Amino acid sequence: KRTFIDKPIAGSLSDAVAIFEVSQKYDVPVFSSSSLRYGKNTQAARHGALGKITFCEAGSPASIEKTHPDLFWYGIHGCESLFTVMGTGCQSVQRTTEDGLIVVTGKWEGDRTGVFRESKKYTGHAKGTSGEGPIGSYDGYRPLLVEIVKYFKTGEIPVQPEETLEIYAFMEAADESKRNDGAEVLIADVLAKARAQAKQRLQELGE
């Protein structure tokens, strides 16, 4: 059955990979999204209101749940806003702290930069070739719900698996950077490791 999985899609990047692998194997769509993806200013930036985005910073609360990587539980909201505006193409990640709060900086192809910043509010700012403006607002759950209903009626996925997986790779890479004292971590390395783990897990399950 086609499925929508509310955030977070899984408790690990490898489980997220496995979910999409099974979805592809059985040709049954699945998608996941935070409601923050559908904030009006975030969607406007995604669709070109500021031109090609060169820099974006998105903030959200980032309370931690011990069974999940740090950002999966609530930081996903700000990360979803960030990727909605920046799109895919993140190559590396570094995690630091400022005043005890999480800051994760991603380098995108084309010399573009995206930053997740732990914040008390849903907020953000983007700069593009045609101007700059706010992003990251929370405009309620209804805009996401509209997309969920469309998806169940049509089977057309509003958020592609590649983008969702890159968001979770970004968050997993942030944890890896933390474990390595703020070292730069390549998204490709994190995804390769997760794919190997997912393959082993699916083999154990007979998939």
N, C-alpha and C. Protein backbone atom coordinates (compact mmCIF):
# COMPACT_ATOMS: atom_id res chain seq x y z
N LYS A 1 0.84 -1.19 0.00
CA LYS A 1 0.00 0.00 0.00
C LYS A 1 0.87 1.24 0.00
N ARG A 2 0.47 2.24 -0.81
CA ARG A 2 1.23 3.49 -0.78
C ARG A 2 1.13 4.09 0.62
N THR A 3 2.22 4.69 1.06
CA THR A 3 2.35 5.08 2.46
C THR A 3 2.95 6.47 2.60
N PHE A 4 2.44 7.24 3.55
CA PHE A 4 3.10 8.46 4.00
C PHE A 4 3.65 8.19 5.39
N ILE A 5 4.90 8.53 5.62
CA ILE A 5 5.53 8.36 6.93
C ILE A 5 5.88 9.75 7.45
N ASP A 6 5.25 10.15 8.53
CA ASP A 6 5.54 11.46 9.11
C ASP A 6 6.98 11.46 9.66
N LYS A 7 7.48 12.66 9.87
CA LYS A 7 8.87 12.76 10.32
C LYS A 7 9.06 12.12 11.70
N PRO A 8 10.20 11.52 11.99
CA PRO A 8 11.24 11.16 11.02
C PRO A 8 10.88 9.85 10.33
N ILE A 9 11.34 9.67 9.13
CA ILE A 9 10.98 8.47 8.38
C ILE A 9 11.50 7.21 9.05
N ALA A 10 12.59 7.33 9.80
CA ALA A 10 13.18 6.17 10.48
C ALA A 10 14.11 6.66 11.58
N GLY A 11 14.60 5.72 12.38
CA GLY A 11 15.51 6.05 13.47
C GLY A 11 16.96 5.95 13.10
N SER A 12 17.24 5.68 11.82
CA SER A 12 18.61 5.64 11.33
C SER A 12 18.60 5.87 9.83
N LEU A 13 19.72 6.33 9.29
CA LEU A 13 19.81 6.52 7.85
C LEU A 13 19.70 5.19 7.12
N SER A 14 20.31 4.14 7.67
CA SER A 14 20.25 2.84 7.00
C SER A 14 18.83 2.31 6.92
N ASP A 15 18.01 2.55 7.94
CA ASP A 15 16.61 2.13 7.90
C ASP A 15 15.84 2.94 6.86
N ALA A 16 16.16 4.22 6.74
CA ALA A 16 15.51 5.04 5.71
C ALA A 16 15.86 4.52 4.32
N VAL A 17 17.12 4.17 4.12
CA VAL A 17 17.53 3.58 2.84
C VAL A 17 16.76 2.30 2.58
N ALA A 18 16.65 1.45 3.59
CA ALA A 18 15.97 0.16 3.44
C ALA A 18 14.50 0.36 3.07
N ILE A 19 13.85 1.35 3.67
CA ILE A 19 12.44 1.62 3.35
C ILE A 19 12.28 1.94 1.87
N PHE A 20 13.15 2.79 1.35
CA PHE A 20 13.04 3.16 -0.06
C PHE A 20 13.46 2.01 -0.99
N GLU A 21 14.37 1.17 -0.55
CA GLU A 21 14.75 0.00 -1.35
C GLU A 21 13.57 -0.94 -1.50
N VAL A 22 12.86 -1.18 -0.42
CA VAL A 22 11.68 -2.06 -0.47
C VAL A 22 10.57 -1.41 -1.30
N SER A 23 10.41 -0.11 -1.15
CA SER A 23 9.42 0.61 -1.95
C SER A 23 9.69 0.43 -3.44
N GLN A 24 10.95 0.55 -3.82
CA GLN A 24 11.31 0.39 -5.23
C GLN A 24 11.13 -1.06 -5.69
N LYS A 25 11.52 -1.99 -4.85
CA LYS A 25 11.41 -3.41 -5.21
C LYS A 25 9.98 -3.80 -5.53
N TYR A 26 9.04 -3.33 -4.72
CA TYR A 26 7.64 -3.71 -4.90
C TYR A 26 6.84 -2.68 -5.70
N ASP A 27 7.53 -1.64 -6.18
CA ASP A 27 6.90 -0.61 -7.00
C ASP A 27 5.68 -0.01 -6.29
N VAL A 28 5.88 0.29 -5.01
CA VAL A 28 4.83 0.91 -4.19
C VAL A 28 5.38 2.21 -3.62
N PRO A 29 4.76 3.36 -3.93
CA PRO A 29 5.33 4.64 -3.51
C PRO A 29 5.27 4.86 -2.00
N VAL A 30 6.22 5.63 -1.51
CA VAL A 30 6.25 6.06 -0.12
C VAL A 30 6.91 7.43 -0.10
N PHE A 31 6.43 8.30 0.77
CA PHE A 31 7.17 9.54 0.96
C PHE A 31 7.05 10.01 2.40
N SER A 32 7.97 10.90 2.76
CA SER A 32 8.01 11.45 4.10
C SER A 32 8.33 12.94 4.00
N SER A 33 7.81 13.71 4.92
CA SER A 33 8.11 15.14 4.91
C SER A 33 7.73 15.76 6.25
N SER A 34 8.47 16.79 6.61
CA SER A 34 8.06 17.67 7.69
C SER A 34 7.08 18.70 7.13
N SER A 35 6.19 19.17 7.96
CA SER A 35 5.25 20.21 7.53
C SER A 35 5.97 21.51 7.20
N LEU A 36 7.19 21.68 7.69
CA LEU A 36 7.94 22.91 7.42
C LEU A 36 8.30 23.06 5.94
N ARG A 37 8.32 21.96 5.21
CA ARG A 37 8.59 22.03 3.76
C ARG A 37 7.60 22.95 3.06
N TYR A 38 6.39 23.03 3.57
CA TYR A 38 5.33 23.74 2.87
C TYR A 38 5.03 25.12 3.44
N GLY A 39 5.99 25.69 4.17
CA GLY A 39 5.87 27.09 4.54
C GLY A 39 5.86 27.96 3.29
N LYS A 40 5.04 29.01 3.28
CA LYS A 40 4.85 29.82 2.08
C LYS A 40 6.15 30.43 1.57
N ASN A 41 6.95 31.01 2.48
CA ASN A 41 8.17 31.66 2.01
C ASN A 41 9.22 30.64 1.58
N THR A 42 9.19 29.48 2.20
CA THR A 42 10.11 28.41 1.81
C THR A 42 9.77 27.90 0.41
N GLN A 43 8.48 27.68 0.16
CA GLN A 43 8.06 27.23 -1.16
C GLN A 43 8.33 28.29 -2.23
N ALA A 44 8.15 29.55 -1.88
CA ALA A 44 8.43 30.62 -2.84
C ALA A 44 9.89 30.62 -3.25
N ALA A 45 10.78 30.45 -2.26
CA ALA A 45 12.21 30.40 -2.56
C ALA A 45 12.55 29.18 -3.41
N ARG A 46 11.93 28.05 -3.11
CA ARG A 46 12.19 26.83 -3.89
C ARG A 46 11.80 27.03 -5.35
N HIS A 47 10.75 27.78 -5.58
CA HIS A 47 10.24 27.94 -6.94
C HIS A 47 10.75 29.20 -7.63
N GLY A 48 11.85 29.75 -7.11
CA GLY A 48 12.56 30.77 -7.87
C GLY A 48 12.33 32.21 -7.48
N ALA A 49 11.63 32.49 -6.39
CA ALA A 49 11.35 33.87 -6.02
C ALA A 49 12.61 34.69 -5.76
N LEU A 50 13.69 34.00 -5.34
CA LEU A 50 14.95 34.69 -5.04
C LEU A 50 16.02 34.37 -6.07
N GLY A 51 15.64 33.73 -7.16
CA GLY A 51 16.62 33.30 -8.15
C GLY A 51 17.32 32.03 -7.69
N LYS A 52 18.48 31.75 -8.23
CA LYS A 52 19.25 30.57 -7.82
C LYS A 52 19.85 30.83 -6.44
N ILE A 53 19.56 29.96 -5.51
CA ILE A 53 19.98 30.16 -4.13
C ILE A 53 21.48 29.90 -3.98
N THR A 54 22.17 30.86 -3.38
CA THR A 54 23.61 30.73 -3.14
C THR A 54 23.93 30.48 -1.67
N PHE A 55 23.04 30.94 -0.79
CA PHE A 55 23.24 30.74 0.65
C PHE A 55 21.88 30.65 1.33
N CYS A 56 21.79 29.73 2.27
CA CYS A 56 20.54 29.60 3.04
C CYS A 56 20.87 29.15 4.45
N GLU A 57 20.18 29.77 5.40
CA GLU A 57 20.29 29.35 6.80
C GLU A 57 18.89 29.11 7.32
N ALA A 58 18.67 27.95 7.91
CA ALA A 58 17.35 27.60 8.44
C ALA A 58 17.49 27.17 9.89
N GLY A 59 16.57 27.62 10.73
CA GLY A 59 16.63 27.29 12.14
C GLY A 59 15.35 26.67 12.65
N SER A 60 15.51 25.80 13.63
CA SER A 60 14.35 25.20 14.29
C SER A 60 14.80 24.67 15.65
N PRO A 61 13.85 24.40 16.54
CA PRO A 61 14.21 23.67 17.75
C PRO A 61 14.83 22.33 17.38
N ALA A 62 15.65 21.79 18.28
CA ALA A 62 16.33 20.53 17.98
C ALA A 62 16.43 19.67 19.23
N SER A 63 15.29 19.50 19.91
CA SER A 63 15.28 18.64 21.09
C SER A 63 15.69 17.22 20.68
N ILE A 64 16.39 16.54 21.57
CA ILE A 64 17.01 15.25 21.24
C ILE A 64 16.26 14.10 21.91
N GLU A 65 16.09 13.03 21.17
CA GLU A 65 15.51 11.79 21.67
C GLU A 65 16.60 10.72 21.62
N LYS A 66 16.87 10.06 22.73
CA LYS A 66 18.07 9.22 22.84
C LYS A 66 18.08 8.04 21.87
N THR A 67 16.92 7.64 21.32
CA THR A 67 16.89 6.50 20.40
C THR A 67 17.15 6.91 18.94
N HIS A 68 17.31 8.22 18.70
CA HIS A 68 17.51 8.73 17.35
C HIS A 68 18.80 9.54 17.26
N PRO A 69 19.42 9.60 16.07
CA PRO A 69 20.50 10.56 15.87
C PRO A 69 20.00 11.97 16.24
N ASP A 70 20.90 12.83 16.66
CA ASP A 70 20.53 14.08 17.30
C ASP A 70 19.47 14.90 16.56
N LEU A 71 19.64 15.07 15.26
CA LEU A 71 18.74 15.96 14.53
C LEU A 71 17.49 15.28 13.99
N PHE A 72 17.45 13.96 14.00
CA PHE A 72 16.32 13.24 13.40
C PHE A 72 15.00 13.58 14.09
N TRP A 73 15.03 13.75 15.40
CA TRP A 73 13.79 13.83 16.17
C TRP A 73 13.07 15.15 15.97
N TYR A 74 13.81 16.28 16.03
CA TYR A 74 13.15 17.57 15.87
C TYR A 74 13.92 18.53 14.98
N GLY A 75 15.22 18.35 14.90
CA GLY A 75 16.00 19.17 13.99
C GLY A 75 15.62 18.94 12.54
N ILE A 76 14.95 17.82 12.26
CA ILE A 76 14.48 17.52 10.91
C ILE A 76 13.66 18.68 10.35
N HIS A 77 12.95 19.41 11.19
CA HIS A 77 12.10 20.50 10.70
C HIS A 77 12.94 21.58 10.00
N GLY A 78 13.97 22.05 10.68
CA GLY A 78 14.83 23.05 10.08
C GLY A 78 15.61 22.51 8.89
N CYS A 79 16.04 21.25 8.99
CA CYS A 79 16.78 20.63 7.89
C CYS A 79 15.89 20.48 6.65
N GLU A 80 14.62 20.17 6.88
CA GLU A 80 13.68 20.05 5.75
C GLU A 80 13.50 21.40 5.06
N SER A 81 13.38 22.47 5.85
CA SER A 81 13.29 23.81 5.26
C SER A 81 14.54 24.11 4.45
N LEU A 82 15.70 23.78 5.01
CA LEU A 82 16.97 24.05 4.35
C LEU A 82 17.05 23.36 2.99
N PHE A 83 16.72 22.09 2.94
CA PHE A 83 16.81 21.34 1.69
C PHE A 83 15.70 21.70 0.72
N THR A 84 14.55 22.12 1.24
CA THR A 84 13.50 22.58 0.34
C THR A 84 13.99 23.76 -0.49
N VAL A 85 14.75 24.64 0.15
CA VAL A 85 15.26 25.82 -0.53
C VAL A 85 16.52 25.51 -1.35
N MET A 86 17.44 24.74 -0.77
CA MET A 86 18.73 24.48 -1.43
C MET A 86 18.64 23.38 -2.49
N GLY A 87 17.73 22.43 -2.30
CA GLY A 87 17.69 21.27 -3.18
C GLY A 87 18.80 20.29 -2.86
N THR A 88 18.90 19.24 -3.65
CA THR A 88 19.96 18.25 -3.44
C THR A 88 21.29 18.78 -3.96
N GLY A 89 22.35 18.03 -3.66
CA GLY A 89 23.68 18.42 -4.11
C GLY A 89 24.62 18.76 -2.97
N CYS A 90 24.22 18.48 -1.73
CA CYS A 90 25.12 18.70 -0.60
C CYS A 90 26.26 17.68 -0.67
N GLN A 91 27.47 18.16 -0.52
CA GLN A 91 28.65 17.31 -0.67
C GLN A 91 29.34 16.98 0.64
N SER A 92 29.33 17.92 1.58
CA SER A 92 30.02 17.67 2.85
C SER A 92 29.37 18.47 3.97
N VAL A 93 29.65 18.05 5.20
CA VAL A 93 29.00 18.61 6.39
C VAL A 93 30.02 18.78 7.50
N GLN A 94 29.90 19.89 8.23
CA GLN A 94 30.66 20.08 9.47
C GLN A 94 29.71 20.56 10.55
N ARG A 95 29.88 20.00 11.75
CA ARG A 95 29.02 20.38 12.87
C ARG A 95 29.84 21.05 13.97
N THR A 96 29.32 22.17 14.46
CA THR A 96 29.93 22.87 15.57
C THR A 96 28.84 23.27 16.55
N THR A 97 29.19 24.04 17.54
CA THR A 97 28.20 24.62 18.45
C THR A 97 28.52 26.10 18.65
N GLU A 98 27.47 26.87 18.85
CA GLU A 98 27.60 28.28 19.20
C GLU A 98 26.68 28.56 20.37
N ASP A 99 27.25 29.00 21.47
CA ASP A 99 26.48 29.25 22.70
C ASP A 99 25.72 28.00 23.12
N GLY A 100 26.33 26.84 22.91
CA GLY A 100 25.73 25.57 23.32
C GLY A 100 24.68 25.03 22.37
N LEU A 101 24.45 25.71 21.25
CA LEU A 101 23.44 25.28 20.29
C LEU A 101 24.09 24.68 19.04
N ILE A 102 23.40 23.73 18.42
CA ILE A 102 23.92 23.01 17.26
C ILE A 102 23.96 23.91 16.03
N VAL A 103 25.08 23.87 15.32
CA VAL A 103 25.21 24.54 14.03
C VAL A 103 25.84 23.55 13.06
N VAL A 104 25.17 23.32 11.94
CA VAL A 104 25.66 22.37 10.93
C VAL A 104 25.78 23.11 9.60
N THR A 105 26.97 23.10 9.03
CA THR A 105 27.22 23.79 7.77
C THR A 105 27.46 22.79 6.66
N GLY A 106 26.69 22.90 5.60
CA GLY A 106 26.83 22.02 4.44
C GLY A 106 27.38 22.78 3.25
N LYS A 107 28.25 22.11 2.50
CA LYS A 107 28.75 22.67 1.25
C LYS A 107 28.05 21.98 0.10
N TRP A 108 27.40 22.76 -0.75
CA TRP A 108 26.68 22.25 -1.90
C TRP A 108 27.53 22.43 -3.16
N GLU A 109 27.26 21.60 -4.15
CA GLU A 109 27.92 21.78 -5.43
C GLU A 109 27.61 23.17 -5.98
N GLY A 110 28.54 23.71 -6.76
CA GLY A 110 28.35 25.06 -7.28
C GLY A 110 28.74 26.14 -6.28
N ASP A 111 29.56 25.76 -5.28
CA ASP A 111 30.05 26.72 -4.27
C ASP A 111 28.91 27.40 -3.53
N ARG A 112 27.89 26.63 -3.18
CA ARG A 112 26.76 27.14 -2.41
C ARG A 112 26.84 26.61 -0.99
N THR A 113 26.28 27.35 -0.04
CA THR A 113 26.37 26.98 1.37
C THR A 113 25.00 26.97 2.02
N GLY A 114 24.74 25.92 2.81
CA GLY A 114 23.51 25.82 3.56
C GLY A 114 23.80 25.52 5.02
N VAL A 115 23.12 26.19 5.92
CA VAL A 115 23.39 26.06 7.36
C VAL A 115 22.11 25.73 8.11
N PHE A 116 22.17 24.71 8.94
CA PHE A 116 21.12 24.46 9.92
C PHE A 116 21.59 25.02 11.25
N ARG A 117 20.71 25.75 11.91
CA ARG A 117 21.05 26.36 13.20
C ARG A 117 19.94 26.05 14.21
N GLU A 118 20.30 25.43 15.32
CA GLU A 118 19.33 25.19 16.39
C GLU A 118 18.81 26.52 16.90
N SER A 119 17.49 26.61 17.03
CA SER A 119 16.87 27.88 17.39
C SER A 119 15.61 27.62 18.21
N LYS A 120 15.17 28.60 18.94
CA LYS A 120 13.92 28.46 19.69
C LYS A 120 12.71 28.57 18.77
N LYS A 121 12.91 29.18 17.59
CA LYS A 121 11.80 29.42 16.66
C LYS A 121 12.10 28.80 15.30
N TYR A 122 11.05 28.65 14.50
CA TYR A 122 11.22 28.26 13.10
C TYR A 122 11.54 29.52 12.31
N THR A 123 12.74 29.55 11.76
CA THR A 123 13.19 30.78 11.13
C THR A 123 14.22 30.47 10.05
N GLY A 124 14.59 31.48 9.30
CA GLY A 124 15.63 31.28 8.30
C GLY A 124 15.73 32.45 7.34
N HIS A 125 16.78 32.41 6.53
CA HIS A 125 17.02 33.48 5.57
C HIS A 125 17.78 32.89 4.39
N ALA A 126 17.44 33.32 3.20
CA ALA A 126 18.11 32.82 2.00
C ALA A 126 18.54 33.97 1.11
N LYS A 127 19.66 33.76 0.41
CA LYS A 127 20.15 34.72 -0.57
C LYS A 127 20.24 34.03 -1.92
N GLY A 128 19.78 34.74 -2.95
CA GLY A 128 19.83 34.18 -4.29
C GLY A 128 20.28 35.21 -5.30
N THR A 129 20.32 34.80 -6.54
CA THR A 129 20.79 35.69 -7.60
C THR A 129 19.82 36.82 -7.91
N SER A 130 18.59 36.73 -7.38
CA SER A 130 17.59 37.78 -7.63
C SER A 130 17.18 38.53 -6.38
N GLY A 131 17.83 38.22 -5.25
CA GLY A 131 17.48 38.90 -4.02
C GLY A 131 17.61 37.99 -2.82
N GLU A 132 17.11 38.45 -1.69
CA GLU A 132 17.16 37.67 -0.46
C GLU A 132 15.89 37.88 0.33
N GLY A 133 15.62 36.93 1.24
CA GLY A 133 14.40 37.05 2.02
C GLY A 133 14.27 35.95 3.04
N PRO A 134 13.23 36.02 3.88
CA PRO A 134 13.02 35.04 4.93
C PRO A 134 12.53 33.71 4.36
N ILE A 135 12.90 32.63 5.05
CA ILE A 135 12.37 31.29 4.75
C ILE A 135 12.16 30.59 6.10
N GLY A 136 11.60 29.39 6.06
CA GLY A 136 11.55 28.57 7.26
C GLY A 136 10.36 28.78 8.16
N SER A 137 9.34 29.51 7.72
CA SER A 137 8.18 29.74 8.58
C SER A 137 7.34 28.47 8.73
N TYR A 138 6.66 28.37 9.85
CA TYR A 138 5.70 27.28 10.06
C TYR A 138 4.31 27.82 9.82
N ASP A 139 3.65 27.32 8.79
CA ASP A 139 2.32 27.81 8.41
C ASP A 139 1.23 26.79 8.67
N GLY A 140 1.44 25.96 9.67
CA GLY A 140 0.45 24.96 10.03
C GLY A 140 0.66 23.63 9.31
N TYR A 141 -0.15 22.64 9.70
CA TYR A 141 -0.02 21.29 9.14
C TYR A 141 -0.84 21.11 7.86
N ARG A 142 -1.81 21.98 7.65
CA ARG A 142 -2.73 21.79 6.52
C ARG A 142 -2.05 21.74 5.15
N PRO A 143 -1.06 22.61 4.86
CA PRO A 143 -0.44 22.53 3.53
C PRO A 143 0.17 21.17 3.23
N LEU A 144 0.78 20.54 4.24
CA LEU A 144 1.32 19.20 4.05
C LEU A 144 0.18 18.21 3.87
N LEU A 145 -0.88 18.37 4.65
CA LEU A 145 -2.02 17.44 4.57
C LEU A 145 -2.64 17.46 3.17
N VAL A 146 -2.70 18.63 2.56
CA VAL A 146 -3.21 18.73 1.18
C VAL A 146 -2.37 17.88 0.24
N GLU A 147 -1.05 17.94 0.40
CA GLU A 147 -0.16 17.15 -0.45
C GLU A 147 -0.30 15.66 -0.18
N ILE A 148 -0.52 15.30 1.07
CA ILE A 148 -0.72 13.89 1.43
C ILE A 148 -1.97 13.34 0.74
N VAL A 149 -3.05 14.11 0.78
CA VAL A 149 -4.31 13.68 0.16
C VAL A 149 -4.13 13.53 -1.35
N LYS A 150 -3.48 14.51 -1.99
CA LYS A 150 -3.21 14.41 -3.43
C LYS A 150 -2.44 13.14 -3.74
N TYR A 151 -1.44 12.88 -2.92
CA TYR A 151 -0.58 11.70 -3.13
C TYR A 151 -1.38 10.40 -3.02
N PHE A 152 -2.23 10.30 -2.01
CA PHE A 152 -3.02 9.08 -1.87
C PHE A 152 -4.00 8.90 -3.03
N LYS A 153 -4.47 10.00 -3.59
CA LYS A 153 -5.39 9.91 -4.73
C LYS A 153 -4.68 9.54 -6.03
N THR A 154 -3.47 10.08 -6.21
CA THR A 154 -2.78 9.93 -7.50
C THR A 154 -1.62 8.94 -7.50
N GLY A 155 -1.02 8.73 -6.33
CA GLY A 155 0.19 7.90 -6.27
C GLY A 155 1.43 8.64 -6.69
N GLU A 156 1.31 9.93 -7.01
CA GLU A 156 2.47 10.73 -7.42
C GLU A 156 3.19 11.27 -6.18
N ILE A 157 4.48 10.98 -6.09
CA ILE A 157 5.26 11.35 -4.91
C ILE A 157 5.64 12.83 -4.96
N PRO A 158 5.27 13.62 -3.95
CA PRO A 158 5.61 15.05 -3.98
C PRO A 158 7.05 15.35 -3.57
N VAL A 159 7.68 14.43 -2.83
CA VAL A 159 9.07 14.61 -2.42
C VAL A 159 9.84 13.35 -2.85
N GLN A 160 10.80 13.51 -3.73
CA GLN A 160 11.51 12.36 -4.26
C GLN A 160 12.40 11.70 -3.21
N PRO A 161 12.54 10.38 -3.27
CA PRO A 161 13.37 9.66 -2.30
C PRO A 161 14.80 10.20 -2.20
N GLU A 162 15.37 10.61 -3.33
CA GLU A 162 16.74 11.10 -3.33
C GLU A 162 16.90 12.32 -2.43
N GLU A 163 15.90 13.19 -2.44
CA GLU A 163 15.98 14.39 -1.60
C GLU A 163 15.80 14.03 -0.13
N THR A 164 14.84 13.17 0.16
CA THR A 164 14.64 12.76 1.55
C THR A 164 15.88 12.08 2.10
N LEU A 165 16.48 11.18 1.33
CA LEU A 165 17.67 10.48 1.81
C LEU A 165 18.83 11.44 2.00
N GLU A 166 18.95 12.45 1.16
CA GLU A 166 20.05 13.40 1.34
C GLU A 166 19.86 14.24 2.60
N ILE A 167 18.61 14.56 2.92
CA ILE A 167 18.34 15.27 4.18
C ILE A 167 18.81 14.43 5.37
N TYR A 168 18.47 13.15 5.35
CA TYR A 168 18.84 12.29 6.47
C TYR A 168 20.33 12.00 6.48
N ALA A 169 20.96 11.97 5.31
CA ALA A 169 22.42 11.82 5.24
C ALA A 169 23.09 13.06 5.82
N PHE A 170 22.54 14.23 5.56
CA PHE A 170 23.04 15.48 6.12
C PHE A 170 23.01 15.41 7.65
N MET A 171 21.90 14.94 8.20
CA MET A 171 21.76 14.87 9.66
C MET A 171 22.66 13.79 10.25
N GLU A 172 22.79 12.65 9.56
CA GLU A 172 23.69 11.59 10.02
C GLU A 172 25.14 12.06 9.95
N ALA A 173 25.49 12.77 8.88
CA ALA A 173 26.85 13.29 8.75
C ALA A 173 27.16 14.30 9.86
N ALA A 174 26.13 15.03 10.30
CA ALA A 174 26.32 15.97 11.41
C ALA A 174 26.72 15.21 12.68
N ASP A 175 26.10 14.07 12.92
CA ASP A 175 26.47 13.25 14.08
C ASP A 175 27.89 12.69 13.91
N GLU A 176 28.22 12.28 12.69
CA GLU A 176 29.57 11.75 12.44
C GLU A 176 30.61 12.85 12.65
N SER A 177 30.31 14.06 12.23
CA SER A 177 31.20 15.18 12.46
C SER A 177 31.37 15.45 13.96
N LYS A 178 30.26 15.36 14.69
CA LYS A 178 30.33 15.54 16.15
C LYS A 178 31.24 14.49 16.77
N ARG A 179 31.10 13.25 16.33
CA ARG A 179 31.94 12.17 16.88
C ARG A 179 33.41 12.37 16.56
N ASN A 180 33.69 13.15 15.51
CA ASN A 180 35.07 13.38 15.08
C ASN A 180 35.49 14.83 15.31
N ASP A 181 34.98 15.40 16.38
CA ASP A 181 35.40 16.73 16.84
C ASP A 181 35.25 17.82 15.79
N GLY A 182 34.16 17.76 15.04
CA GLY A 182 33.86 18.81 14.08
C GLY A 182 34.53 18.67 12.74
N ALA A 183 35.05 17.48 12.46
CA ALA A 183 35.71 17.26 11.17
C ALA A 183 34.69 17.29 10.04
N GLU A 184 35.14 17.63 8.84
CA GLU A 184 34.28 17.63 7.67
C GLU A 184 33.98 16.18 7.27
N VAL A 185 32.73 15.90 6.98
CA VAL A 185 32.28 14.55 6.63
C VAL A 185 31.62 14.59 5.26
N LEU A 186 31.99 13.65 4.40
CA LEU A 186 31.44 13.60 3.06
C LEU A 186 30.09 12.88 3.05
N ILE A 187 29.10 13.50 2.42
CA ILE A 187 27.78 12.90 2.31
C ILE A 187 27.87 11.55 1.58
N ALA A 188 28.69 11.45 0.55
CA ALA A 188 28.81 10.21 -0.22
C ALA A 188 29.28 9.06 0.66
N ASP A 189 30.19 9.33 1.58
CA ASP A 189 30.70 8.29 2.47
C ASP A 189 29.62 7.81 3.43
N VAL A 190 28.85 8.75 3.96
CA VAL A 190 27.78 8.40 4.91
C VAL A 190 26.71 7.57 4.21
N LEU A 191 26.35 7.95 2.99
CA LEU A 191 25.34 7.20 2.25
C LEU A 191 25.83 5.82 1.85
N ALA A 192 27.09 5.71 1.47
CA ALA A 192 27.64 4.40 1.09
C ALA A 192 27.61 3.44 2.27
N LYS A 193 27.97 3.92 3.43
CA LYS A 193 27.94 3.08 4.64
C LYS A 193 26.51 2.65 4.95
N ALA A 194 25.56 3.59 4.85
CA ALA A 194 24.16 3.28 5.16
C ALA A 194 23.58 2.28 4.15
N ARG A 195 23.96 2.40 2.88
CA ARG A 195 23.46 1.47 1.86
C ARG A 195 23.97 0.06 2.13
N ALA A 196 25.21 -0.05 2.55
CA ALA A 196 25.76 -1.37 2.88
C ALA A 196 25.03 -1.98 4.07
N GLN A 197 24.77 -1.18 5.09
CA GLN A 197 24.04 -1.66 6.26
C GLN A 197 22.62 -2.05 5.91
N ALA A 198 21.98 -1.26 5.06
CA ALA A 198 20.61 -1.57 4.64
C ALA A 198 20.55 -2.87 3.85
N LYS A 199 21.52 -3.07 2.98
CA LYS A 199 21.56 -4.30 2.18
C LYS A 199 21.68 -5.52 3.07
N GLN A 200 22.55 -5.45 4.06
CA GLN A 200 22.72 -6.57 4.99
C GLN A 200 21.44 -6.82 5.78
N ARG A 201 20.81 -5.75 6.24
CA ARG A 201 19.59 -5.89 7.02
C ARG A 201 18.46 -6.50 6.19
N LEU A 202 18.32 -6.07 4.95
CA LEU A 202 17.27 -6.61 4.08
C LEU A 202 17.53 -8.09 3.75
N GLN A 203 18.79 -8.45 3.61
CA GLN A 203 19.11 -9.86 3.38
C GLN A 203 18.71 -10.70 4.59
N GLU A 204 18.94 -10.18 5.78
CA GLU A 204 18.55 -10.88 7.01
C GLU A 204 17.05 -11.06 7.10
N LEU A 205 16.30 -10.09 6.54
CA LEU A 205 14.84 -10.14 6.58
C LEU A 205 14.24 -10.90 5.40
N GLY A 206 15.11 -11.39 4.52
CA GLY A 206 14.63 -12.13 3.34
C GLY A 206 14.12 -11.24 2.26
N GLU A 207 14.53 -9.96 2.24
CA GLU A 207 14.11 -9.03 1.20
C GLU A 207 15.22 -8.83 0.17
